[in-house]
């Protein structure tokens, strides 16, 4: 199996943007926490989170095919498939809980980070009700596709407030590293 060290090397070859690297780190942390909650393979889930946007900066027109092909070549079909499915408009079937979790965590985690960044106290005092209120404001973090957030919730069969709370708790535990 691919190691996190190998995944970080792949990431370093493809991504320079600090904000994109931070985004992938946040997803890595949230996915690892969900793997532990569900009794799944935490390394596999964390690596899927870490690499899900690895080729976005270097190959935006081919995203996510470049990283997916690399993972298939490394005989990592489960991670590759999850990454190929982390956006519903790519019409890739959701076959595993990993596939569904990556979709459910990607956009919403990024949105929660955006919510934290506009607060003087950052993530420290962010509550789910504030995130839900901002989700209804289409002008806030307008690039976040709300339909992706809701489809992820549906596929993973999680409650919005519980999911937001879970993500906030993971981010709070890592706020210094993440700078939020």
N, C-alpha and C. Protein backbone atom coordinates (compact mmCIF):
# COMPACT_ATOMS: atom_id res chain seq x y z
N UNK A 1 0.83 -1.19 0.00
CA UNK A 1 0.00 0.00 0.00
C UNK A 1 0.87 1.25 0.00
N UNK A 2 0.38 2.28 -0.66
CA UNK A 2 1.07 3.57 -0.66
C UNK A 2 1.15 4.09 0.77
N UNK A 3 2.27 4.69 1.10
CA UNK A 3 2.44 5.27 2.42
C UNK A 3 2.14 6.77 2.36
N UNK A 4 1.94 7.35 3.52
CA UNK A 4 1.73 8.81 3.54
C UNK A 4 2.97 9.54 3.07
N UNK A 5 4.14 9.00 3.38
CA UNK A 5 5.37 9.62 2.90
C UNK A 5 5.40 9.64 1.37
N UNK A 6 5.04 8.54 0.76
CA UNK A 6 4.98 8.50 -0.71
C UNK A 6 3.92 9.47 -1.24
N UNK A 7 2.79 9.51 -0.57
CA UNK A 7 1.72 10.43 -0.99
C UNK A 7 2.20 11.88 -0.90
N UNK A 8 2.92 12.21 0.16
CA UNK A 8 3.43 13.58 0.31
C UNK A 8 4.46 13.91 -0.78
N UNK A 9 5.26 12.92 -1.16
CA UNK A 9 6.22 13.13 -2.26
C UNK A 9 5.47 13.41 -3.56
N UNK A 10 4.44 12.63 -3.84
CA UNK A 10 3.64 12.86 -5.04
C UNK A 10 3.02 14.25 -5.01
N UNK A 11 2.51 14.61 -3.87
CA UNK A 11 1.87 15.91 -3.71
C UNK A 11 2.88 17.04 -3.94
N UNK A 12 4.07 16.90 -3.40
CA UNK A 12 5.11 17.93 -3.56
C UNK A 12 5.50 18.12 -5.03
N UNK A 13 5.44 17.05 -5.80
CA UNK A 13 5.77 17.13 -7.23
C UNK A 13 4.70 17.88 -8.03
N UNK A 14 3.48 17.87 -7.54
CA UNK A 14 2.36 18.40 -8.32
C UNK A 14 1.78 19.72 -7.82
N UNK A 15 1.99 20.04 -6.56
CA UNK A 15 1.30 21.20 -5.97
C UNK A 15 2.25 22.12 -5.23
N UNK A 16 2.14 23.41 -5.53
CA UNK A 16 2.94 24.43 -4.85
C UNK A 16 2.08 25.37 -4.01
N UNK A 17 0.84 25.58 -4.39
CA UNK A 17 -0.05 26.53 -3.73
C UNK A 17 -0.25 26.16 -2.26
N UNK A 18 0.09 27.09 -1.38
CA UNK A 18 -0.06 26.84 0.05
C UNK A 18 -1.52 26.67 0.44
N UNK A 19 -2.41 27.43 -0.17
CA UNK A 19 -3.83 27.28 0.19
C UNK A 19 -4.37 25.93 -0.28
N UNK A 20 -3.95 25.47 -1.43
CA UNK A 20 -4.39 24.16 -1.90
C UNK A 20 -3.78 23.04 -1.05
N UNK A 21 -2.53 23.20 -0.67
CA UNK A 21 -1.90 22.21 0.22
C UNK A 21 -2.61 22.16 1.56
N UNK A 22 -2.99 23.32 2.07
CA UNK A 22 -3.72 23.35 3.35
C UNK A 22 -5.08 22.69 3.19
N UNK A 23 -5.75 22.95 2.06
CA UNK A 23 -7.04 22.32 1.82
C UNK A 23 -6.90 20.80 1.84
N UNK A 24 -5.91 20.29 1.16
CA UNK A 24 -5.73 18.83 1.12
C UNK A 24 -5.36 18.28 2.49
N UNK A 25 -4.60 19.04 3.27
CA UNK A 25 -4.28 18.60 4.63
C UNK A 25 -5.54 18.56 5.49
N UNK A 26 -6.42 19.55 5.34
CA UNK A 26 -7.65 19.53 6.14
C UNK A 26 -8.49 18.30 5.78
N UNK A 27 -8.57 17.99 4.51
CA UNK A 27 -9.35 16.82 4.09
C UNK A 27 -8.68 15.54 4.58
N UNK A 28 -7.37 15.50 4.55
CA UNK A 28 -6.64 14.34 5.09
C UNK A 28 -7.02 14.12 6.56
N UNK A 29 -7.01 15.17 7.34
CA UNK A 29 -7.33 15.06 8.77
C UNK A 29 -8.77 14.62 9.02
N UNK A 30 -9.70 15.22 8.28
CA UNK A 30 -11.11 14.88 8.45
C UNK A 30 -11.37 13.44 8.00
N UNK A 31 -10.77 13.04 6.90
CA UNK A 31 -10.97 11.68 6.41
C UNK A 31 -10.37 10.65 7.37
N UNK A 32 -9.22 10.95 7.93
CA UNK A 32 -8.63 10.05 8.92
C UNK A 32 -9.55 9.90 10.13
N UNK A 33 -10.11 11.01 10.58
CA UNK A 33 -11.01 10.97 11.73
C UNK A 33 -12.27 10.17 11.41
N UNK A 34 -12.80 10.33 10.22
CA UNK A 34 -13.97 9.55 9.84
C UNK A 34 -13.63 8.06 9.72
N UNK A 35 -12.47 7.74 9.22
CA UNK A 35 -12.07 6.34 9.14
C UNK A 35 -12.05 5.71 10.53
N UNK A 36 -11.51 6.44 11.48
CA UNK A 36 -11.48 5.94 12.87
C UNK A 36 -12.91 5.77 13.41
N UNK A 37 -13.77 6.73 13.11
CA UNK A 37 -15.17 6.66 13.57
C UNK A 37 -15.87 5.44 12.99
N UNK A 38 -15.62 5.16 11.72
CA UNK A 38 -16.31 4.06 11.03
C UNK A 38 -15.58 2.72 11.11
N UNK A 39 -14.40 2.70 11.74
CA UNK A 39 -13.63 1.46 11.80
C UNK A 39 -13.03 1.07 10.47
N UNK A 40 -12.68 2.05 9.68
CA UNK A 40 -12.09 1.83 8.34
C UNK A 40 -10.57 2.01 8.41
N UNK A 41 -9.92 1.81 7.29
CA UNK A 41 -8.47 1.92 7.18
C UNK A 41 -8.07 3.40 7.19
N UNK A 42 -7.53 3.86 8.33
CA UNK A 42 -7.25 5.29 8.47
C UNK A 42 -6.17 5.78 7.51
N UNK A 43 -5.19 4.96 7.19
CA UNK A 43 -4.15 5.39 6.24
C UNK A 43 -4.74 5.56 4.85
N UNK A 44 -5.52 4.61 4.42
CA UNK A 44 -6.14 4.67 3.10
C UNK A 44 -7.05 5.90 2.98
N UNK A 45 -7.86 6.12 3.98
CA UNK A 45 -8.78 7.25 3.95
C UNK A 45 -8.02 8.58 4.02
N UNK A 46 -7.00 8.65 4.85
CA UNK A 46 -6.20 9.88 4.96
C UNK A 46 -5.49 10.19 3.64
N UNK A 47 -4.94 9.16 3.02
CA UNK A 47 -4.23 9.36 1.75
C UNK A 47 -5.20 9.81 0.66
N UNK A 48 -6.39 9.24 0.64
CA UNK A 48 -7.40 9.69 -0.33
C UNK A 48 -7.69 11.18 -0.13
N UNK A 49 -7.82 11.59 1.12
CA UNK A 49 -8.05 13.01 1.40
C UNK A 49 -6.86 13.87 1.01
N UNK A 50 -5.68 13.40 1.31
CA UNK A 50 -4.47 14.16 1.01
C UNK A 50 -4.26 14.35 -0.49
N UNK A 51 -4.57 13.34 -1.27
CA UNK A 51 -4.26 13.38 -2.71
C UNK A 51 -5.44 13.76 -3.60
N UNK A 52 -6.61 13.99 -3.04
CA UNK A 52 -7.80 14.16 -3.88
C UNK A 52 -7.70 15.30 -4.89
N UNK A 53 -6.98 16.35 -4.59
CA UNK A 53 -6.79 17.47 -5.52
C UNK A 53 -5.33 17.65 -5.93
N UNK A 54 -4.53 16.61 -5.79
CA UNK A 54 -3.08 16.73 -6.01
C UNK A 54 -2.72 17.24 -7.40
N UNK A 55 -3.49 16.89 -8.42
CA UNK A 55 -3.15 17.31 -9.79
C UNK A 55 -3.90 18.57 -10.23
N UNK A 56 -4.69 19.14 -9.36
CA UNK A 56 -5.54 20.28 -9.73
C UNK A 56 -4.74 21.49 -10.20
N UNK A 57 -3.66 21.80 -9.52
CA UNK A 57 -2.86 22.98 -9.87
C UNK A 57 -2.05 22.74 -11.15
N UNK A 58 -1.38 21.60 -11.24
CA UNK A 58 -0.49 21.32 -12.37
C UNK A 58 -1.27 20.96 -13.64
N UNK A 59 -2.41 20.29 -13.48
CA UNK A 59 -3.17 19.81 -14.64
C UNK A 59 -4.67 20.08 -14.46
N UNK A 60 -5.06 21.35 -14.35
CA UNK A 60 -6.47 21.64 -14.07
C UNK A 60 -7.43 21.06 -15.11
N UNK A 61 -7.02 21.03 -16.36
CA UNK A 61 -7.90 20.52 -17.41
C UNK A 61 -8.01 19.00 -17.40
N UNK A 62 -7.09 18.32 -16.70
CA UNK A 62 -7.11 16.86 -16.63
C UNK A 62 -7.51 16.35 -15.24
N UNK A 63 -7.72 17.24 -14.30
CA UNK A 63 -8.06 16.85 -12.93
C UNK A 63 -9.33 16.02 -12.90
N UNK A 64 -9.36 14.89 -12.25
CA UNK A 64 -8.36 14.24 -11.41
C UNK A 64 -7.62 13.08 -12.12
N UNK A 65 -7.70 13.04 -13.44
CA UNK A 65 -7.16 11.88 -14.15
C UNK A 65 -5.68 11.61 -13.90
N UNK A 66 -4.87 12.65 -13.76
CA UNK A 66 -3.43 12.45 -13.59
C UNK A 66 -3.14 11.70 -12.29
N UNK A 67 -3.69 12.17 -11.19
CA UNK A 67 -3.44 11.50 -9.90
C UNK A 67 -4.11 10.12 -9.88
N UNK A 68 -5.28 10.01 -10.47
CA UNK A 68 -5.97 8.72 -10.52
C UNK A 68 -5.14 7.69 -11.28
N UNK A 69 -4.59 8.08 -12.42
CA UNK A 69 -3.76 7.16 -13.21
C UNK A 69 -2.51 6.75 -12.43
N UNK A 70 -1.90 7.70 -11.72
CA UNK A 70 -0.72 7.37 -10.91
C UNK A 70 -1.08 6.35 -9.83
N UNK A 71 -2.23 6.53 -9.22
CA UNK A 71 -2.65 5.61 -8.16
C UNK A 71 -2.99 4.23 -8.71
N UNK A 72 -3.64 4.18 -9.86
CA UNK A 72 -3.89 2.87 -10.47
C UNK A 72 -2.58 2.18 -10.82
N UNK A 73 -1.61 2.94 -11.31
CA UNK A 73 -0.30 2.37 -11.64
C UNK A 73 0.41 1.83 -10.40
N UNK A 74 0.11 2.41 -9.25
CA UNK A 74 0.68 1.95 -7.98
C UNK A 74 -0.17 0.85 -7.34
N UNK A 75 -1.16 0.38 -8.08
CA UNK A 75 -2.08 -0.66 -7.60
C UNK A 75 -2.85 -0.22 -6.36
N UNK A 76 -3.38 1.01 -6.45
CA UNK A 76 -4.22 1.58 -5.40
C UNK A 76 -5.60 1.90 -5.98
N UNK A 77 -6.34 0.88 -6.43
CA UNK A 77 -7.62 1.14 -7.10
C UNK A 77 -8.69 1.74 -6.19
N UNK A 78 -8.67 1.43 -4.92
CA UNK A 78 -9.71 1.94 -4.01
C UNK A 78 -9.56 3.44 -3.82
N UNK A 79 -8.33 3.88 -3.57
CA UNK A 79 -8.08 5.32 -3.42
C UNK A 79 -8.31 6.02 -4.75
N UNK A 80 -7.83 5.43 -5.82
CA UNK A 80 -8.00 6.03 -7.15
C UNK A 80 -9.49 6.23 -7.47
N UNK A 81 -10.29 5.22 -7.19
CA UNK A 81 -11.72 5.33 -7.49
C UNK A 81 -12.37 6.42 -6.64
N UNK A 82 -12.04 6.47 -5.37
CA UNK A 82 -12.63 7.50 -4.50
C UNK A 82 -12.29 8.89 -5.01
N UNK A 83 -11.06 9.09 -5.43
CA UNK A 83 -10.66 10.40 -5.95
C UNK A 83 -11.38 10.70 -7.26
N UNK A 84 -11.56 9.70 -8.09
CA UNK A 84 -12.25 9.92 -9.37
C UNK A 84 -13.73 10.24 -9.17
N UNK A 85 -14.25 9.96 -7.96
CA UNK A 85 -15.67 10.17 -7.68
C UNK A 85 -15.95 11.35 -6.76
N UNK A 86 -14.95 12.18 -6.46
CA UNK A 86 -15.19 13.21 -5.45
C UNK A 86 -15.91 14.46 -5.96
N UNK A 87 -16.51 14.34 -7.13
CA UNK A 87 -17.34 15.42 -7.70
C UNK A 87 -18.47 14.73 -8.47
N UNK A 88 -19.70 15.00 -8.10
CA UNK A 88 -20.82 14.24 -8.68
C UNK A 88 -20.96 14.42 -10.19
N UNK A 89 -20.57 15.55 -10.70
CA UNK A 89 -20.75 15.83 -12.13
C UNK A 89 -19.82 15.00 -13.03
N UNK A 90 -18.88 14.27 -12.41
CA UNK A 90 -18.03 13.36 -13.19
C UNK A 90 -18.73 12.03 -13.44
N UNK A 91 -19.88 11.84 -12.82
CA UNK A 91 -20.72 10.65 -13.04
C UNK A 91 -19.99 9.34 -12.78
N UNK A 92 -19.19 9.31 -11.76
CA UNK A 92 -18.52 8.08 -11.33
C UNK A 92 -19.38 7.48 -10.22
N UNK A 93 -19.67 6.20 -10.26
CA UNK A 93 -20.52 5.61 -9.22
C UNK A 93 -19.86 5.60 -7.85
N UNK A 94 -20.70 5.76 -6.83
CA UNK A 94 -20.23 5.73 -5.44
C UNK A 94 -20.40 4.31 -4.93
N UNK A 95 -19.29 3.60 -4.82
CA UNK A 95 -19.32 2.18 -4.50
C UNK A 95 -18.99 1.86 -3.05
N UNK A 96 -18.20 2.71 -2.42
CA UNK A 96 -17.74 2.42 -1.06
C UNK A 96 -18.04 3.60 -0.13
N UNK A 97 -17.94 3.34 1.14
CA UNK A 97 -18.10 4.42 2.11
C UNK A 97 -17.00 5.45 1.92
N UNK A 98 -15.81 5.02 1.53
CA UNK A 98 -14.72 5.96 1.26
C UNK A 98 -15.11 6.92 0.14
N UNK A 99 -15.68 6.41 -0.94
CA UNK A 99 -16.12 7.27 -2.04
C UNK A 99 -17.08 8.34 -1.54
N UNK A 100 -18.04 7.90 -0.75
CA UNK A 100 -19.08 8.80 -0.25
C UNK A 100 -18.53 9.80 0.76
N UNK A 101 -17.64 9.34 1.61
CA UNK A 101 -17.06 10.23 2.63
C UNK A 101 -16.21 11.33 2.00
N UNK A 102 -15.44 10.98 0.98
CA UNK A 102 -14.60 11.99 0.34
C UNK A 102 -15.47 13.08 -0.28
N UNK A 103 -16.53 12.69 -0.94
CA UNK A 103 -17.46 13.67 -1.49
C UNK A 103 -18.08 14.50 -0.38
N UNK A 104 -18.52 13.85 0.68
CA UNK A 104 -19.19 14.55 1.78
C UNK A 104 -18.27 15.50 2.53
N UNK A 105 -16.99 15.24 2.53
CA UNK A 105 -16.04 16.05 3.30
C UNK A 105 -15.37 17.17 2.51
N UNK A 106 -15.18 16.99 1.23
CA UNK A 106 -14.39 17.92 0.43
C UNK A 106 -14.94 19.34 0.44
N UNK A 107 -16.07 19.56 -0.18
CA UNK A 107 -16.61 20.92 -0.29
C UNK A 107 -16.97 21.50 1.08
N UNK A 108 -17.57 20.69 1.93
CA UNK A 108 -18.03 21.21 3.22
C UNK A 108 -16.85 21.60 4.11
N UNK A 109 -15.79 20.82 4.11
CA UNK A 109 -14.62 21.18 4.92
C UNK A 109 -14.03 22.49 4.43
N UNK A 110 -13.91 22.64 3.12
CA UNK A 110 -13.42 23.90 2.56
C UNK A 110 -14.31 25.07 2.95
N UNK A 111 -15.60 24.84 2.95
CA UNK A 111 -16.56 25.88 3.32
C UNK A 111 -16.41 26.25 4.79
N UNK A 112 -16.23 25.25 5.64
CA UNK A 112 -16.06 25.51 7.07
C UNK A 112 -14.79 26.31 7.33
N UNK A 113 -13.72 26.00 6.61
CA UNK A 113 -12.48 26.78 6.73
C UNK A 113 -12.74 28.23 6.32
N UNK A 114 -13.49 28.43 5.24
CA UNK A 114 -13.83 29.79 4.82
C UNK A 114 -14.62 30.51 5.90
N UNK A 115 -15.56 29.81 6.53
CA UNK A 115 -16.33 30.42 7.64
C UNK A 115 -15.41 30.83 8.79
N UNK A 116 -14.46 29.96 9.11
CA UNK A 116 -13.53 30.26 10.21
C UNK A 116 -12.65 31.45 9.89
N UNK A 117 -12.27 31.60 8.63
CA UNK A 117 -11.35 32.67 8.25
C UNK A 117 -11.95 34.07 8.37
N UNK A 118 -13.27 34.18 8.37
CA UNK A 118 -13.89 35.50 8.48
C UNK A 118 -14.27 35.85 9.92
N UNK A 119 -13.91 34.98 10.84
CA UNK A 119 -14.23 35.20 12.26
C UNK A 119 -12.96 35.65 13.00
N UNK A 120 -13.07 36.64 13.87
CA UNK A 120 -11.90 37.08 14.63
C UNK A 120 -11.25 35.95 15.44
N UNK A 121 -12.07 35.04 15.95
CA UNK A 121 -11.54 33.94 16.77
C UNK A 121 -11.24 32.70 15.94
N UNK A 122 -11.42 32.79 14.63
CA UNK A 122 -11.16 31.65 13.76
C UNK A 122 -12.10 30.49 14.06
N UNK A 123 -11.57 29.30 14.02
CA UNK A 123 -12.37 28.09 14.22
C UNK A 123 -12.78 27.91 15.68
N UNK A 124 -12.09 28.57 16.59
CA UNK A 124 -12.27 28.34 18.03
C UNK A 124 -13.71 28.48 18.50
N UNK A 125 -14.44 29.44 17.95
CA UNK A 125 -15.81 29.68 18.42
C UNK A 125 -16.86 29.39 17.34
N UNK A 126 -16.45 28.81 16.24
CA UNK A 126 -17.38 28.53 15.15
C UNK A 126 -18.37 27.43 15.57
N UNK A 127 -19.64 27.69 15.33
CA UNK A 127 -20.69 26.73 15.67
C UNK A 127 -21.41 26.30 14.40
N UNK A 128 -21.98 25.09 14.41
CA UNK A 128 -22.69 24.60 13.23
C UNK A 128 -23.77 25.55 12.72
N UNK A 129 -24.51 26.21 13.63
CA UNK A 129 -25.59 27.09 13.18
C UNK A 129 -25.05 28.23 12.32
N UNK A 130 -23.84 28.71 12.62
CA UNK A 130 -23.23 29.76 11.81
C UNK A 130 -22.88 29.25 10.42
N UNK A 131 -22.38 28.03 10.36
CA UNK A 131 -22.03 27.41 9.06
C UNK A 131 -23.31 27.22 8.23
N UNK A 132 -24.35 26.73 8.86
CA UNK A 132 -25.62 26.49 8.15
C UNK A 132 -26.18 27.81 7.62
N UNK A 133 -26.09 28.86 8.42
CA UNK A 133 -26.56 30.18 7.98
C UNK A 133 -25.77 30.66 6.77
N UNK A 134 -24.45 30.47 6.81
CA UNK A 134 -23.60 30.88 5.68
C UNK A 134 -23.87 30.03 4.44
N UNK A 135 -24.21 28.74 4.63
CA UNK A 135 -24.53 27.88 3.48
C UNK A 135 -25.71 28.44 2.69
N UNK A 136 -26.63 29.08 3.39
CA UNK A 136 -27.81 29.64 2.74
C UNK A 136 -27.49 30.93 1.99
N UNK A 137 -26.36 31.56 2.31
CA UNK A 137 -25.93 32.80 1.67
C UNK A 137 -25.10 32.45 0.44
N UNK A 138 -25.73 32.47 -0.71
CA UNK A 138 -25.05 32.06 -1.96
C UNK A 138 -23.86 32.97 -2.31
N UNK A 139 -23.83 34.17 -1.75
CA UNK A 139 -22.73 35.08 -2.02
C UNK A 139 -21.48 34.77 -1.21
N UNK A 140 -21.65 34.06 -0.11
CA UNK A 140 -20.50 33.71 0.73
C UNK A 140 -19.85 32.44 0.17
N UNK A 141 -18.53 32.51 -0.03
CA UNK A 141 -17.79 31.38 -0.60
C UNK A 141 -18.56 30.83 -1.80
N UNK A 142 -18.84 31.71 -2.74
CA UNK A 142 -19.73 31.40 -3.87
C UNK A 142 -19.25 30.23 -4.72
N UNK A 143 -17.95 29.96 -4.72
CA UNK A 143 -17.44 28.85 -5.54
C UNK A 143 -17.76 27.47 -4.94
N UNK A 144 -18.13 27.44 -3.68
CA UNK A 144 -18.50 26.17 -3.05
C UNK A 144 -19.87 25.77 -3.58
N UNK A 145 -19.91 24.61 -4.18
CA UNK A 145 -21.15 24.11 -4.78
C UNK A 145 -22.01 23.45 -3.70
N UNK A 146 -23.04 24.14 -3.33
CA UNK A 146 -23.92 23.65 -2.26
C UNK A 146 -24.55 22.31 -2.61
N UNK A 147 -24.87 22.08 -3.89
CA UNK A 147 -25.47 20.80 -4.26
C UNK A 147 -24.51 19.64 -4.00
N UNK A 148 -23.22 19.87 -4.11
CA UNK A 148 -22.23 18.84 -3.80
C UNK A 148 -22.24 18.53 -2.30
N UNK A 149 -22.38 19.57 -1.49
CA UNK A 149 -22.45 19.40 -0.04
C UNK A 149 -23.64 18.52 0.32
N UNK A 150 -24.79 18.85 -0.23
CA UNK A 150 -26.01 18.11 0.13
C UNK A 150 -26.03 16.70 -0.45
N UNK A 151 -25.48 16.51 -1.63
CA UNK A 151 -25.41 15.16 -2.19
C UNK A 151 -24.47 14.29 -1.36
N UNK A 152 -23.37 14.86 -0.90
CA UNK A 152 -22.45 14.13 -0.04
C UNK A 152 -23.12 13.68 1.26
N UNK A 153 -23.89 14.57 1.85
CA UNK A 153 -24.63 14.23 3.08
C UNK A 153 -25.59 13.07 2.82
N UNK A 154 -26.30 13.16 1.72
CA UNK A 154 -27.27 12.12 1.37
C UNK A 154 -26.58 10.77 1.16
N UNK A 155 -25.50 10.77 0.40
CA UNK A 155 -24.81 9.50 0.11
C UNK A 155 -24.19 8.88 1.36
N UNK A 156 -23.62 9.72 2.22
CA UNK A 156 -22.98 9.21 3.43
C UNK A 156 -24.00 8.94 4.54
N UNK A 157 -25.21 9.40 4.34
CA UNK A 157 -26.30 9.23 5.32
C UNK A 157 -25.93 9.85 6.67
N UNK A 158 -25.54 11.12 6.61
CA UNK A 158 -25.22 11.86 7.83
C UNK A 158 -26.08 13.11 7.91
N UNK A 159 -26.35 13.51 9.12
CA UNK A 159 -27.10 14.72 9.41
C UNK A 159 -26.18 15.93 9.22
N UNK A 160 -26.70 16.98 8.64
CA UNK A 160 -25.90 18.18 8.36
C UNK A 160 -25.24 18.74 9.62
N UNK A 161 -26.01 18.94 10.67
CA UNK A 161 -25.45 19.52 11.90
C UNK A 161 -24.40 18.61 12.51
N UNK A 162 -24.65 17.32 12.55
CA UNK A 162 -23.67 16.37 13.11
C UNK A 162 -22.40 16.34 12.27
N UNK A 163 -22.56 16.38 10.96
CA UNK A 163 -21.40 16.36 10.06
C UNK A 163 -20.56 17.63 10.23
N UNK A 164 -21.21 18.76 10.29
CA UNK A 164 -20.50 20.03 10.50
C UNK A 164 -19.78 20.01 11.84
N UNK A 165 -20.46 19.54 12.88
CA UNK A 165 -19.85 19.46 14.22
C UNK A 165 -18.61 18.58 14.19
N UNK A 166 -18.71 17.44 13.55
CA UNK A 166 -17.59 16.52 13.45
C UNK A 166 -16.39 17.20 12.78
N UNK A 167 -16.65 17.85 11.65
CA UNK A 167 -15.56 18.51 10.91
C UNK A 167 -14.97 19.65 11.73
N UNK A 168 -15.80 20.46 12.34
CA UNK A 168 -15.30 21.57 13.18
C UNK A 168 -14.40 21.01 14.29
N UNK A 169 -14.83 19.94 14.93
CA UNK A 169 -14.04 19.36 16.02
C UNK A 169 -12.66 18.90 15.53
N UNK A 170 -12.61 18.29 14.37
CA UNK A 170 -11.31 17.86 13.80
C UNK A 170 -10.45 19.08 13.51
N UNK A 171 -11.03 20.09 12.90
CA UNK A 171 -10.27 21.30 12.56
C UNK A 171 -9.80 22.04 13.82
N UNK A 172 -10.65 22.11 14.84
CA UNK A 172 -10.25 22.75 16.09
C UNK A 172 -9.05 22.05 16.71
N UNK A 173 -9.04 20.75 16.66
CA UNK A 173 -7.94 19.97 17.25
C UNK A 173 -6.62 20.22 16.51
N UNK A 174 -6.69 20.78 15.31
CA UNK A 174 -5.50 21.01 14.49
C UNK A 174 -5.37 22.47 14.06
N UNK A 175 -6.01 23.36 14.81
CA UNK A 175 -6.10 24.77 14.40
C UNK A 175 -4.76 25.47 14.28
N UNK A 176 -3.82 25.16 15.16
CA UNK A 176 -2.52 25.82 15.09
C UNK A 176 -1.78 25.43 13.81
N UNK A 177 -1.74 24.13 13.54
CA UNK A 177 -1.08 23.66 12.32
C UNK A 177 -1.73 24.27 11.07
N UNK A 178 -3.05 24.32 11.06
CA UNK A 178 -3.78 24.76 9.89
C UNK A 178 -3.88 26.29 9.78
N UNK A 179 -3.58 26.98 10.85
CA UNK A 179 -3.65 28.44 10.84
C UNK A 179 -5.06 28.98 10.76
N UNK A 180 -5.97 28.26 11.41
CA UNK A 180 -7.37 28.70 11.39
C UNK A 180 -7.85 28.87 12.82
